[in-house]
């Protein structure tokens, strides 16, 4: 299913904004960021919403610039949640066996 967030474009802009700046220097300049967050953003990996917003604020980006209009997301309803498979609870096989 398509993602309404343009991850590749965000990663390209982060790389461009931090071009020539080491990750350690960026962390020193923006205390709300950390090395892992910047590395994940540059690589185009998933970020938490908090990390995404922190990067947008530090790099002066507008978060809605990365929203892709017209992309339909999968609807999550009670019916779809009920149809999900669940592992049955079973007793532990080793419970009750004493060491010999």
PDB file of N, CA and C in Angstrom:
ATOM      1  N   UNK A   1       0.840  -1.171   0.000  1.00  0.00           N
ATOM      2  CA  UNK A   1       0.000   0.000   0.000  1.00  0.00           C
ATOM      3  C   UNK A   1       0.892   1.243   0.000  1.00  0.00           C
ATOM      4  N   UNK A   2       0.492   2.227  -0.735  1.00  0.00           N
ATOM      5  CA  UNK A   2       1.278   3.461  -0.865  1.00  0.00           C
ATOM      6  C   UNK A   2       1.326   4.217   0.458  1.00  0.00           C
ATOM      7  N   UNK A   3       2.420   4.923   0.635  1.00  0.00           N
ATOM      8  CA  UNK A   3       2.635   5.695   1.851  1.00  0.00           C
ATOM      9  C   UNK A   3       2.388   7.170   1.539  1.00  0.00           C
ATOM     10  N   UNK A   4       1.589   7.869   2.347  1.00  0.00           N
ATOM     11  CA  UNK A   4       1.330   9.280   2.065  1.00  0.00           C
ATOM     12  C   UNK A   4       2.491  10.197   2.459  1.00  0.00           C
ATOM     13  N   UNK A   5       3.614   9.611   2.862  1.00  0.00           N
ATOM     14  CA  UNK A   5       4.789  10.387   3.246  1.00  0.00           C
ATOM     15  C   UNK A   5       5.892  10.142   2.224  1.00  0.00           C
ATOM     16  N   UNK A   6       6.398  11.199   1.610  1.00  0.00           N
ATOM     17  CA  UNK A   6       7.443  11.091   0.593  1.00  0.00           C
ATOM     18  C   UNK A   6       8.810  10.969   1.272  1.00  0.00           C
ATOM     19  N   UNK A   7       9.125   9.743   1.664  1.00  0.00           N
ATOM     20  CA  UNK A   7      10.341   9.452   2.429  1.00  0.00           C
ATOM     21  C   UNK A   7      11.611   9.740   1.631  1.00  0.00           C
ATOM     22  N   UNK A   8      11.609   9.419   0.339  1.00  0.00           N
ATOM     23  CA  UNK A   8      12.799   9.635  -0.483  1.00  0.00           C
ATOM     24  C   UNK A   8      13.107  11.125  -0.621  1.00  0.00           C
ATOM     25  N   UNK A   9      12.081  11.915  -0.825  1.00  0.00           N
ATOM     26  CA  UNK A   9      12.273  13.364  -0.949  1.00  0.00           C
ATOM     27  C   UNK A   9      12.771  13.974   0.354  1.00  0.00           C
ATOM     28  N   UNK A  10      12.214  13.503   1.466  1.00  0.00           N
ATOM     29  CA  UNK A  10      12.649  13.986   2.780  1.00  0.00           C
ATOM     30  C   UNK A  10      14.122  13.645   3.000  1.00  0.00           C
ATOM     31  N   UNK A  11      14.513  12.404   2.681  1.00  0.00           N
ATOM     32  CA  UNK A  11      15.906  11.980   2.849  1.00  0.00           C
ATOM     33  C   UNK A  11      16.837  12.825   1.982  1.00  0.00           C
ATOM     34  N   UNK A  12      16.439  13.098   0.746  1.00  0.00           N
ATOM     35  CA  UNK A  12      17.277  13.895  -0.155  1.00  0.00           C
ATOM     36  C   UNK A  12      17.455  15.314   0.388  1.00  0.00           C
ATOM     37  N   UNK A  13      16.400  15.893   0.915  1.00  0.00           N
ATOM     38  CA  UNK A  13      16.498  17.255   1.445  1.00  0.00           C
ATOM     39  C   UNK A  13      17.351  17.286   2.706  1.00  0.00           C
ATOM     40  N   UNK A  14      17.223  16.275   3.562  1.00  0.00           N
ATOM     41  CA  UNK A  14      18.059  16.212   4.774  1.00  0.00           C
ATOM     42  C   UNK A  14      19.523  16.086   4.383  1.00  0.00           C
ATOM     43  N   UNK A  15      19.810  15.213   3.411  1.00  0.00           N
ATOM     44  CA  UNK A  15      21.200  15.063   2.954  1.00  0.00           C
ATOM     45  C   UNK A  15      21.727  16.373   2.376  1.00  0.00           C
ATOM     46  N   UNK A  16      20.898  17.078   1.608  1.00  0.00           N
ATOM     47  CA  UNK A  16      21.318  18.346   1.007  1.00  0.00           C
ATOM     48  C   UNK A  16      21.551  19.413   2.074  1.00  0.00           C
ATOM     49  N   UNK A  17      20.665  19.495   3.063  1.00  0.00           N
ATOM     50  CA  UNK A  17      20.804  20.510   4.115  1.00  0.00           C
ATOM     51  C   UNK A  17      22.037  20.257   4.988  1.00  0.00           C
ATOM     52  N   UNK A  18      22.373  18.975   5.171  1.00  0.00           N
ATOM     53  CA  UNK A  18      23.513  18.627   6.020  1.00  0.00           C
ATOM     54  C   UNK A  18      24.766  18.320   5.209  1.00  0.00           C
ATOM     55  N   UNK A  19      24.764  18.685   3.934  1.00  0.00           N
ATOM     56  CA  UNK A  19      25.919  18.442   3.069  1.00  0.00           C
ATOM     57  C   UNK A  19      27.125  19.222   3.589  1.00  0.00           C
ATOM     58  N   UNK A  20      28.221  18.519   3.805  1.00  0.00           N
ATOM     59  CA  UNK A  20      29.435  19.142   4.298  1.00  0.00           C
ATOM     60  C   UNK A  20      29.492  19.276   5.805  1.00  0.00           C
ATOM     61  N   UNK A  21      28.438  18.851   6.491  1.00  0.00           N
ATOM     62  CA  UNK A  21      28.391  18.913   7.959  1.00  0.00           C
ATOM     63  C   UNK A  21      28.396  17.481   8.477  1.00  0.00           C
ATOM     64  N   UNK A  22      29.304  17.182   9.388  1.00  0.00           N
ATOM     65  CA  UNK A  22      29.330  15.831   9.945  1.00  0.00           C
ATOM     66  C   UNK A  22      28.110  15.637  10.852  1.00  0.00           C
ATOM     67  N   UNK A  23      27.752  14.400  11.046  1.00  0.00           N
ATOM     68  CA  UNK A  23      26.604  14.090  11.897  1.00  0.00           C
ATOM     69  C   UNK A  23      26.866  14.559  13.323  1.00  0.00           C
ATOM     70  N   UNK A  24      28.080  14.392  13.799  1.00  0.00           N
ATOM     71  CA  UNK A  24      28.426  14.829  15.160  1.00  0.00           C
ATOM     72  C   UNK A  24      28.275  16.349  15.312  1.00  0.00           C
ATOM     73  N   UNK A  25      28.689  17.104  14.295  1.00  0.00           N
ATOM     74  CA  UNK A  25      28.544  18.565  14.352  1.00  0.00           C
ATOM     75  C   UNK A  25      27.078  18.969  14.334  1.00  0.00           C
ATOM     76  N   UNK A  26      26.276  18.243  13.552  1.00  0.00           N
ATOM     77  CA  UNK A  26      24.843  18.538  13.501  1.00  0.00           C
ATOM     78  C   UNK A  26      24.203  18.305  14.863  1.00  0.00           C
ATOM     79  N   UNK A  27      24.618  17.249  15.560  1.00  0.00           N
ATOM     80  CA  UNK A  27      24.089  16.957  16.894  1.00  0.00           C
ATOM     81  C   UNK A  27      24.523  18.045  17.878  1.00  0.00           C
ATOM     82  N   UNK A  28      25.746  18.515  17.747  1.00  0.00           N
ATOM     83  CA  UNK A  28      26.212  19.605  18.615  1.00  0.00           C
ATOM     84  C   UNK A  28      25.423  20.886  18.352  1.00  0.00           C
ATOM     85  N   UNK A  29      25.117  21.158  17.092  1.00  0.00           N
ATOM     86  CA  UNK A  29      24.394  22.378  16.732  1.00  0.00           C
ATOM     87  C   UNK A  29      22.924  22.313  17.117  1.00  0.00           C
ATOM     88  N   UNK A  30      22.334  21.120  17.038  1.00  0.00           N
ATOM     89  CA  UNK A  30      20.917  20.929  17.356  1.00  0.00           C
ATOM     90  C   UNK A  30      20.793  19.865  18.435  1.00  0.00           C
ATOM     91  N   UNK A  31      20.736  20.254  19.704  1.00  0.00           N
ATOM     92  CA  UNK A  31      20.708  19.283  20.808  1.00  0.00           C
ATOM     93  C   UNK A  31      19.506  18.340  20.808  1.00  0.00           C
ATOM     94  N   UNK A  32      18.422  18.691  20.106  1.00  0.00           N
ATOM     95  CA  UNK A  32      17.250  17.806  20.076  1.00  0.00           C
ATOM     96  C   UNK A  32      17.456  16.615  19.148  1.00  0.00           C
ATOM     97  N   UNK A  33      18.491  16.658  18.326  1.00  0.00           N
ATOM     98  CA  UNK A  33      18.765  15.566  17.391  1.00  0.00           C
ATOM     99  C   UNK A  33      19.791  14.611  17.978  1.00  0.00           C
ATOM    100  N   UNK A  34      19.839  13.406  17.420  1.00  0.00           N
ATOM    101  CA  UNK A  34      20.892  12.463  17.794  1.00  0.00           C
ATOM    102  C   UNK A  34      21.428  11.784  16.533  1.00  0.00           C
ATOM    103  N   UNK A  35      22.525  11.104  16.682  1.00  0.00           N
ATOM    104  CA  UNK A  35      23.221  10.497  15.539  1.00  0.00           C
ATOM    105  C   UNK A  35      22.330   9.491  14.813  1.00  0.00           C
ATOM    106  N   UNK A  36      21.650   8.637  15.554  1.00  0.00           N
ATOM    107  CA  UNK A  36      20.813   7.611  14.936  1.00  0.00           C
ATOM    108  C   UNK A  36      19.677   8.241  14.135  1.00  0.00           C
ATOM    109  N   UNK A  37      19.073   9.283  14.691  1.00  0.00           N
ATOM    110  CA  UNK A  37      17.961   9.956  14.029  1.00  0.00           C
ATOM    111  C   UNK A  37      18.402  10.545  12.688  1.00  0.00           C
ATOM    112  N   UNK A  38      19.537  11.205  12.685  1.00  0.00           N
ATOM    113  CA  UNK A  38      20.030  11.818  11.453  1.00  0.00           C
ATOM    114  C   UNK A  38      20.414  10.749  10.436  1.00  0.00           C
ATOM    115  N   UNK A  39      21.055   9.691  10.895  1.00  0.00           N
ATOM    116  CA  UNK A  39      21.454   8.607   9.988  1.00  0.00           C
ATOM    117  C   UNK A  39      20.246   7.946   9.347  1.00  0.00           C
ATOM    118  N   UNK A  40      19.207   7.701  10.147  1.00  0.00           N
ATOM    119  CA  UNK A  40      17.989   7.093   9.612  1.00  0.00           C
ATOM    120  C   UNK A  40      17.312   8.015   8.605  1.00  0.00           C
ATOM    121  N   UNK A  41      17.281   9.306   8.902  1.00  0.00           N
ATOM    122  CA  UNK A  41      16.658  10.266   7.990  1.00  0.00           C
ATOM    123  C   UNK A  41      17.418  10.339   6.671  1.00  0.00           C
ATOM    124  N   UNK A  42      18.744  10.368   6.736  1.00  0.00           N
ATOM    125  CA  UNK A  42      19.552  10.434   5.524  1.00  0.00           C
ATOM    126  C   UNK A  42      19.379   9.192   4.656  1.00  0.00           C
ATOM    127  N   UNK A  43      19.179   8.040   5.303  1.00  0.00           N
ATOM    128  CA  UNK A  43      19.034   6.784   4.574  1.00  0.00           C
ATOM    129  C   UNK A  43      17.610   6.554   4.079  1.00  0.00           C
ATOM    130  N   UNK A  44      16.667   7.372   4.539  1.00  0.00           N
ATOM    131  CA  UNK A  44      15.276   7.205   4.114  1.00  0.00           C
ATOM    132  C   UNK A  44      14.550   6.115   4.859  1.00  0.00           C
ATOM    133  N   UNK A  45      15.008   5.781   6.061  1.00  0.00           N
ATOM    134  CA  UNK A  45      14.339   4.762   6.880  1.00  0.00           C
ATOM    135  C   UNK A  45      13.191   5.373   7.670  1.00  0.00           C
ATOM    136  N   UNK A  46      12.386   4.520   8.280  1.00  0.00           N
ATOM    137  CA  UNK A  46      11.257   4.991   9.090  1.00  0.00           C
ATOM    138  C   UNK A  46      11.739   5.815  10.273  1.00  0.00           C
ATOM    139  N   UNK A  47      10.981   6.852  10.572  1.00  0.00           N
ATOM    140  CA  UNK A  47      11.241   7.703  11.730  1.00  0.00           C
ATOM    141  C   UNK A  47       9.969   7.787  12.566  1.00  0.00           C
ATOM    142  N   UNK A  48      10.136   8.011  13.843  1.00  0.00           N
ATOM    143  CA  UNK A  48       8.957   8.293  14.653  1.00  0.00           C
ATOM    144  C   UNK A  48       8.499   9.702  14.308  1.00  0.00           C
ATOM    145  N   UNK A  49       7.255  10.005  14.633  1.00  0.00           N
ATOM    146  CA  UNK A  49       6.738  11.329  14.330  1.00  0.00           C
ATOM    147  C   UNK A  49       7.511  12.394  15.100  1.00  0.00           C
ATOM    148  N   UNK A  50       7.923  12.066  16.319  1.00  0.00           N
ATOM    149  CA  UNK A  50       8.705  13.010  17.111  1.00  0.00           C
ATOM    150  C   UNK A  50      10.050  13.318  16.472  1.00  0.00           C
ATOM    151  N   UNK A  51      10.712  12.288  15.962  1.00  0.00           N
ATOM    152  CA  UNK A  51      12.002  12.484  15.284  1.00  0.00           C
ATOM    153  C   UNK A  51      11.822  13.293  14.006  1.00  0.00           C
ATOM    154  N   UNK A  52      10.778  12.969  13.258  1.00  0.00           N
ATOM    155  CA  UNK A  52      10.495  13.697  12.026  1.00  0.00           C
ATOM    156  C   UNK A  52      10.271  15.180  12.305  1.00  0.00           C
ATOM    157  N   UNK A  53       9.462  15.475  13.311  1.00  0.00           N
ATOM    158  CA  UNK A  53       9.172  16.871  13.639  1.00  0.00           C
ATOM    159  C   UNK A  53      10.403  17.590  14.190  1.00  0.00           C
ATOM    160  N   UNK A  54      11.230  16.889  14.969  1.00  0.00           N
ATOM    161  CA  UNK A  54      12.454  17.491  15.491  1.00  0.00           C
ATOM    162  C   UNK A  54      13.408  17.844  14.347  1.00  0.00           C
ATOM    163  N   UNK A  55      13.526  16.949  13.374  1.00  0.00           N
ATOM    164  CA  UNK A  55      14.373  17.225  12.213  1.00  0.00           C
ATOM    165  C   UNK A  55      13.821  18.391  11.399  1.00  0.00           C
ATOM    166  N   UNK A  56      12.512  18.423  11.221  1.00  0.00           N
ATOM    167  CA  UNK A  56      11.904  19.525  10.470  1.00  0.00           C
ATOM    168  C   UNK A  56      12.164  20.854  11.162  1.00  0.00           C
ATOM    169  N   UNK A  57      12.030  20.874  12.464  1.00  0.00           N
ATOM    170  CA  UNK A  57      12.254  22.115  13.199  1.00  0.00           C
ATOM    171  C   UNK A  57      13.724  22.547  13.119  1.00  0.00           C
ATOM    172  N   UNK A  58      14.629  21.601  13.327  1.00  0.00           N
ATOM    173  CA  UNK A  58      16.058  21.932  13.326  1.00  0.00           C
ATOM    174  C   UNK A  58      16.536  22.388  11.947  1.00  0.00           C
ATOM    175  N   UNK A  59      16.018  21.749  10.901  1.00  0.00           N
ATOM    176  CA  UNK A  59      16.466  22.063   9.543  1.00  0.00           C
ATOM    177  C   UNK A  59      15.553  23.075   8.845  1.00  0.00           C
ATOM    178  N   UNK A  60      14.596  23.615   9.585  1.00  0.00           N
ATOM    179  CA  UNK A  60      13.645  24.611   9.075  1.00  0.00           C
ATOM    180  C   UNK A  60      12.901  24.103   7.842  1.00  0.00           C
ATOM    181  N   UNK A  61      12.305  22.923   8.004  1.00  0.00           N
ATOM    182  CA  UNK A  61      11.491  22.320   6.949  1.00  0.00           C
ATOM    183  C   UNK A  61      10.030  22.364   7.369  1.00  0.00           C
ATOM    184  N   UNK A  62       9.138  22.391   6.403  1.00  0.00           N
ATOM    185  CA  UNK A  62       7.706  22.359   6.699  1.00  0.00           C
ATOM    186  C   UNK A  62       7.227  20.911   6.582  1.00  0.00           C
ATOM    187  N   UNK A  63       6.713  20.319   7.660  1.00  0.00           N
ATOM    188  CA  UNK A  63       6.322  18.906   7.639  1.00  0.00           C
ATOM    189  C   UNK A  63       5.323  18.539   6.548  1.00  0.00           C
ATOM    190  N   UNK A  64       4.367  19.416   6.263  1.00  0.00           N
ATOM    191  CA  UNK A  64       3.356  19.071   5.263  1.00  0.00           C
ATOM    192  C   UNK A  64       3.877  19.119   3.838  1.00  0.00           C
ATOM    193  N   UNK A  65       5.094  19.593   3.628  1.00  0.00           N
ATOM    194  CA  UNK A  65       5.681  19.564   2.298  1.00  0.00           C
ATOM    195  C   UNK A  65       5.988  18.133   1.845  1.00  0.00           C
ATOM    196  N   UNK A  66       6.009  17.202   2.781  1.00  0.00           N
ATOM    197  CA  UNK A  66       6.348  15.811   2.467  1.00  0.00           C
ATOM    198  C   UNK A  66       5.122  14.905   2.444  1.00  0.00           C
ATOM    199  N   UNK A  67       3.958  15.500   2.580  1.00  0.00           N
ATOM    200  CA  UNK A  67       2.700  14.751   2.516  1.00  0.00           C
ATOM    201  C   UNK A  67       2.288  14.617   1.057  1.00  0.00           C
ATOM    202  N   UNK A  68       1.965  13.405   0.638  1.00  0.00           N
ATOM    203  CA  UNK A  68       1.554  13.147  -0.734  1.00  0.00           C
ATOM    204  C   UNK A  68       0.030  13.092  -0.761  1.00  0.00           C
ATOM    205  N   UNK A  69      -0.580  14.029  -1.469  1.00  0.00           N
ATOM    206  CA  UNK A  69      -2.043  14.058  -1.567  1.00  0.00           C
ATOM    207  C   UNK A  69      -2.557  12.945  -2.466  1.00  0.00           C
ATOM    208  N   UNK A  70      -3.748  12.494  -2.178  1.00  0.00           N
ATOM    209  CA  UNK A  70      -4.399  11.517  -3.034  1.00  0.00           C
ATOM    210  C   UNK A  70      -4.020  10.071  -2.776  1.00  0.00           C
ATOM    211  N   UNK A  71      -3.173   9.807  -1.811  1.00  0.00           N
ATOM    212  CA  UNK A  71      -2.780   8.434  -1.512  1.00  0.00           C
ATOM    213  C   UNK A  71      -3.764   7.868  -0.496  1.00  0.00           C
ATOM    214  N   UNK A  72      -4.367   6.750  -0.856  1.00  0.00           N
ATOM    215  CA  UNK A  72      -5.328   6.128   0.052  1.00  0.00           C
ATOM    216  C   UNK A  72      -4.599   5.215   1.024  1.00  0.00           C
ATOM    217  N   UNK A  73      -4.955   5.350   2.272  1.00  0.00           N
ATOM    218  CA  UNK A  73      -4.393   4.481   3.306  1.00  0.00           C
ATOM    219  C   UNK A  73      -5.363   3.354   3.583  1.00  0.00           C
ATOM    220  N   UNK A  74      -4.851   2.263   4.087  1.00  0.00           N
ATOM    221  CA  UNK A  74      -5.685   1.125   4.456  1.00  0.00           C
ATOM    222  C   UNK A  74      -6.542   1.514   5.648  1.00  0.00           C
ATOM    223  N   UNK A  75      -7.834   1.262   5.544  1.00  0.00           N
ATOM    224  CA  UNK A  75      -8.737   1.573   6.641  1.00  0.00           C
ATOM    225  C   UNK A  75      -8.626   0.510   7.718  1.00  0.00           C
ATOM    226  N   UNK A  76      -8.542   0.944   8.940  1.00  0.00           N
ATOM    227  CA  UNK A  76      -8.526   0.021  10.068  1.00  0.00           C
ATOM    228  C   UNK A  76      -9.855   0.195  10.788  1.00  0.00           C
ATOM    229  N   UNK A  77     -10.626  -0.878  10.790  1.00  0.00           N
ATOM    230  CA  UNK A  77     -11.925  -0.856  11.450  1.00  0.00           C
ATOM    231  C   UNK A  77     -11.982  -1.982  12.471  1.00  0.00           C
ATOM    232  N   UNK A  78     -13.006  -1.986  13.257  1.00  0.00           N
ATOM    233  CA  UNK A  78     -13.175  -3.061  14.234  1.00  0.00           C
ATOM    234  C   UNK A  78     -13.238  -4.417  13.531  1.00  0.00           C
ATOM    235  N   UNK A  79     -13.899  -4.460  12.386  1.00  0.00           N
ATOM    236  CA  UNK A  79     -14.035  -5.706  11.637  1.00  0.00           C
ATOM    237  C   UNK A  79     -12.666  -6.234  11.196  1.00  0.00           C
ATOM    238  N   UNK A  80     -11.779  -5.347  10.698  1.00  0.00           N
ATOM    239  CA  UNK A  80     -10.461  -5.807  10.265  1.00  0.00           C
ATOM    240  C   UNK A  80      -9.610  -6.233  11.455  1.00  0.00           C
ATOM    241  N   UNK A  81      -9.813  -5.600  12.606  1.00  0.00           N
ATOM    242  CA  UNK A  81      -9.058  -5.997  13.796  1.00  0.00           C
ATOM    243  C   UNK A  81      -9.502  -7.362  14.303  1.00  0.00           C
ATOM    244  N   UNK A  82     -10.804  -7.638  14.245  1.00  0.00           N
ATOM    245  CA  UNK A  82     -11.333  -8.919  14.717  1.00  0.00           C
ATOM    246  C   UNK A  82     -10.848 -10.056  13.830  1.00  0.00           C
ATOM    247  N   UNK A  83     -10.653  -9.807  12.550  1.00  0.00           N
ATOM    248  CA  UNK A  83     -10.242 -10.856  11.607  1.00  0.00           C
ATOM    249  C   UNK A  83      -8.755 -11.200  11.701  1.00  0.00           C
ATOM    250  N   UNK A  84      -7.973 -10.430  12.461  1.00  0.00           N
ATOM    251  CA  UNK A  84      -6.545 -10.711  12.572  1.00  0.00           C
ATOM    252  C   UNK A  84      -6.321 -12.008  13.336  1.00  0.00           C
ATOM    253  N   UNK A  85      -5.304 -12.743  12.928  1.00  0.00           N
ATOM    254  CA  UNK A  85      -4.997 -13.989  13.615  1.00  0.00           C
ATOM    255  C   UNK A  85      -4.287 -13.692  14.929  1.00  0.00           C
ATOM    256  N   UNK A  86      -4.603 -14.482  15.918  1.00  0.00           N
ATOM    257  CA  UNK A  86      -4.028 -14.309  17.247  1.00  0.00           C
ATOM    258  C   UNK A  86      -3.485 -15.657  17.697  1.00  0.00           C
ATOM    259  N   UNK A  87      -2.326 -15.647  18.306  1.00  0.00           N
ATOM    260  CA  UNK A  87      -1.742 -16.880  18.821  1.00  0.00           C
ATOM    261  C   UNK A  87      -2.530 -17.332  20.050  1.00  0.00           C
ATOM    262  N   UNK A  88      -2.901 -18.596  20.057  1.00  0.00           N
ATOM    263  CA  UNK A  88      -3.670 -19.132  21.177  1.00  0.00           C
ATOM    264  C   UNK A  88      -2.791 -19.247  22.417  1.00  0.00           C
ATOM    265  N   UNK A  89      -3.389 -19.006  23.576  1.00  0.00           N
ATOM    266  CA  UNK A  89      -2.641 -19.158  24.832  1.00  0.00           C
ATOM    267  C   UNK A  89      -2.620 -20.635  25.203  1.00  0.00           C
ATOM    268  N   UNK A  90      -1.432 -21.148  25.394  1.00  0.00           N
ATOM    269  CA  UNK A  90      -1.270 -22.548  25.769  1.00  0.00           C
ATOM    270  C   UNK A  90      -0.352 -22.615  26.977  1.00  0.00           C
ATOM    271  N   UNK A  91      -0.509 -23.640  27.792  1.00  0.00           N
ATOM    272  CA  UNK A  91       0.362 -23.740  28.964  1.00  0.00           C
ATOM    273  C   UNK A  91       1.806 -24.047  28.553  1.00  0.00           C
ATOM    274  N   UNK A  92       2.715 -23.624  29.368  1.00  0.00           N
ATOM    275  CA  UNK A  92       4.137 -23.857  29.127  1.00  0.00           C
ATOM    276  C   UNK A  92       4.420 -25.359  29.225  1.00  0.00           C
ATOM    277  N   UNK A  93       5.158 -25.888  28.270  1.00  0.00           N
ATOM    278  CA  UNK A  93       5.427 -27.322  28.226  1.00  0.00           C
ATOM    279  C   UNK A  93       6.338 -27.780  29.355  1.00  0.00           C
ATOM    280  N   UNK A  94       7.200 -26.913  29.815  1.00  0.00           N
ATOM    281  CA  UNK A  94       8.171 -27.323  30.829  1.00  0.00           C
ATOM    282  C   UNK A  94       7.714 -27.051  32.248  1.00  0.00           C
ATOM    283  N   UNK A  95       6.567 -26.418  32.421  1.00  0.00           N
ATOM    284  CA  UNK A  95       6.091 -26.119  33.746  1.00  0.00           C
ATOM    285  C   UNK A  95       5.709 -27.408  34.473  1.00  0.00           C
ATOM    286  N   UNK A  96       6.119 -27.539  35.680  1.00  0.00           N
ATOM    287  CA  UNK A  96       5.777 -28.711  36.474  1.00  0.00           C
ATOM    288  C   UNK A  96       6.795 -29.828  36.391  1.00  0.00           C
ATOM    289  N   UNK A  97       7.775 -29.709  35.528  1.00  0.00           N
ATOM    290  CA  UNK A  97       8.812 -30.754  35.418  1.00  0.00           C
ATOM    291  C   UNK A  97       9.936 -30.361  36.369  1.00  0.00           C
ATOM    292  N   UNK A  98      10.240 -31.253  37.298  1.00  0.00           N
ATOM    293  CA  UNK A  98      11.312 -30.949  38.242  1.00  0.00           C
ATOM    294  C   UNK A  98      12.645 -31.478  37.713  1.00  0.00           C
ATOM    295  N   UNK A  99      13.706 -30.871  38.172  1.00  0.00           N
ATOM    296  CA  UNK A  99      15.053 -31.324  37.768  1.00  0.00           C
ATOM    297  C   UNK A  99      15.350 -32.654  38.406  1.00  0.00           C
ATOM    298  N   UNK A 100      15.871 -33.570  37.636  1.00  0.00           N
ATOM    299  CA  UNK A 100      16.172 -34.901  38.160  1.00  0.00           C
ATOM    300  C   UNK A 100      17.630 -35.042  38.445  1.00  0.00           C
TER     301      UNK A 100
END
